[in-house]
Amino acid sequence: MSKKINKKQILSRLVQIPDNGKRMFYAREMKFLNDLEKRYSLEFLNVVDFGKKFDSLAYLVSPKLRPALEQKFRAFNYVIDESEYQSYHIGEKHGEDKVVNKRKTIKDFLNE
């Protein structure tokens, strides 16, 4: 069974939490988080990273960052179809090993 995802931890990872007015802040941000959860998934929101913390999740809900979030969501859900790639069986080695003389310096290489 998978571990339950904590929405408050997601908020603390994505958004800068203010020192004052936390009650209204959490009410507003939970609303945005629930809207994002309907559009994407809570597992995705738990791992998505933008490299910085936002002032509000309203940035992610806005049309300006929607393409970036859509791209990250597609990358999160991408599954490689192994049927389109050929499989190769290499098998046993044939023939003798070749002895290669290793050159020690670039000067030796250029002198040859």
Protein backbone atom coordinates (compact mmCIF):
# COMPACT_ATOMS: atom_id res chain seq x y z
CA MET A 1 0.00 0.00 0.00
CA SER A 2 1.37 3.39 -0.96
CA LYS A 3 2.07 6.10 1.55
CA LYS A 4 -0.65 8.74 1.87
CA ILE A 5 0.34 12.05 0.29
CA ASN A 6 0.23 15.06 2.61
CA LYS A 7 -1.16 18.16 0.86
CA LYS A 8 0.39 20.48 3.42
CA GLN A 9 3.84 19.13 2.57
CA ILE A 10 3.17 19.72 -1.12
CA LEU A 11 2.24 23.32 -0.33
CA SER A 12 5.33 23.85 1.79
CA ARG A 13 7.51 22.50 -1.05
CA LEU A 14 5.94 24.63 -3.82
CA VAL A 15 4.89 27.82 -2.04
CA GLN A 16 6.50 30.27 0.37
CA ILE A 17 4.40 30.14 3.53
CA PRO A 18 3.88 33.57 5.11
CA ASP A 19 4.51 34.29 8.78
CA ASN A 20 1.12 35.98 9.29
CA GLY A 21 -2.38 35.11 8.08
CA LYS A 22 -1.80 31.40 7.72
CA ARG A 23 -5.45 30.48 8.08
CA MET A 24 -6.57 32.44 5.00
CA PHE A 25 -3.40 31.44 3.16
CA TYR A 26 -4.02 27.72 3.64
CA ALA A 27 -7.70 28.05 2.73
CA ARG A 28 -6.86 29.81 -0.55
CA GLU A 29 -3.92 27.58 -1.44
CA MET A 30 -5.80 24.35 -0.65
CA LYS A 31 -8.49 25.49 -3.08
CA PHE A 32 -5.84 25.98 -5.78
CA LEU A 33 -4.23 22.64 -4.91
CA ASN A 34 -7.57 20.85 -5.19
CA ASP A 35 -8.15 22.47 -8.60
CA LEU A 36 -4.72 21.31 -9.74
CA GLU A 37 -5.41 17.83 -8.36
CA LYS A 38 -8.56 17.59 -10.51
CA ARG A 39 -6.60 18.56 -13.62
CA TYR A 40 -3.50 16.47 -12.92
CA SER A 41 -2.85 14.02 -10.07
CA LEU A 42 -1.72 14.29 -6.47
CA GLU A 43 1.21 11.96 -7.19
CA PHE A 44 2.40 14.35 -9.91
CA LEU A 45 2.01 17.40 -7.69
CA ASN A 46 3.99 15.60 -5.01
CA VAL A 47 7.06 15.32 -7.28
CA VAL A 48 6.84 18.30 -9.66
CA ASP A 49 9.56 20.90 -9.16
CA PHE A 50 10.09 24.32 -10.71
CA GLY A 51 13.40 25.14 -9.05
CA LYS A 52 11.89 27.87 -6.89
CA LYS A 53 9.00 28.49 -4.54
CA PHE A 54 6.06 30.57 -5.71
CA ASP A 55 4.15 33.17 -3.71
CA SER A 56 0.92 31.34 -4.53
CA LEU A 57 -0.33 28.34 -6.48
CA ALA A 58 -2.34 30.83 -8.51
CA TYR A 59 0.71 30.99 -10.80
CA LEU A 60 0.28 27.29 -11.64
CA VAL A 61 -3.45 27.67 -12.19
CA SER A 62 -2.92 30.68 -14.48
CA PRO A 63 -2.82 30.25 -18.27
CA LYS A 64 0.75 31.62 -18.37
CA LEU A 65 2.36 28.58 -16.69
CA ARG A 66 -0.15 26.00 -17.90
CA PRO A 67 1.96 24.89 -20.92
CA ALA A 68 5.01 24.27 -18.71
CA LEU A 69 2.90 22.29 -16.24
CA GLU A 70 1.29 20.31 -19.08
CA GLN A 71 4.73 19.45 -20.45
CA LYS A 72 5.94 18.26 -17.04
CA PHE A 73 2.76 16.20 -16.62
CA ARG A 74 3.25 14.50 -20.00
CA ALA A 75 6.87 13.72 -19.07
CA PHE A 76 5.67 12.34 -15.72
CA ASN A 77 3.17 9.99 -17.44
CA TYR A 78 5.38 9.00 -20.38
CA VAL A 79 5.67 5.25 -20.88
CA ILE A 80 8.23 3.82 -23.28
CA ASP A 81 6.68 1.38 -25.72
CA GLU A 82 9.23 -1.42 -25.91
CA SER A 83 7.46 -3.12 -28.83
CA GLU A 84 8.73 -0.51 -31.32
CA TYR A 85 12.40 -1.23 -30.53
CA GLN A 86 14.22 -4.29 -31.86
CA SER A 87 15.78 -6.71 -29.42
CA TYR A 88 19.26 -8.01 -30.18
CA HIS A 89 20.80 -11.24 -28.87
CA ILE A 90 24.56 -10.87 -28.92
CA GLY A 91 25.53 -14.45 -28.07
CA GLU A 92 29.07 -15.83 -27.76
CA LYS A 93 32.30 -14.10 -28.79
CA HIS A 94 34.00 -15.21 -32.04
CA GLY A 95 37.62 -14.81 -33.15
CA GLU A 96 40.85 -13.90 -31.46
CA ASP A 97 41.50 -10.82 -29.36
CA LYS A 98 43.63 -8.19 -31.09
CA VAL A 99 46.55 -6.71 -29.18
CA VAL A 100 46.55 -2.93 -29.43
CA ASN A 101 49.68 -0.93 -28.63
CA LYS A 102 48.74 1.96 -26.39
CA ARG A 103 50.38 5.30 -27.11
CA LYS A 104 51.63 7.06 -24.05
CA THR A 105 51.59 10.72 -25.12
CA ILE A 106 50.20 12.95 -27.84
CA LYS A 107 53.74 13.69 -28.99
CA ASP A 108 54.36 9.97 -29.64
CA PHE A 109 51.10 9.81 -31.60
CA LEU A 110 52.03 12.84 -33.75
CA ASN A 111 55.55 11.50 -34.40
CA GLU A 112 54.21 8.32 -36.05
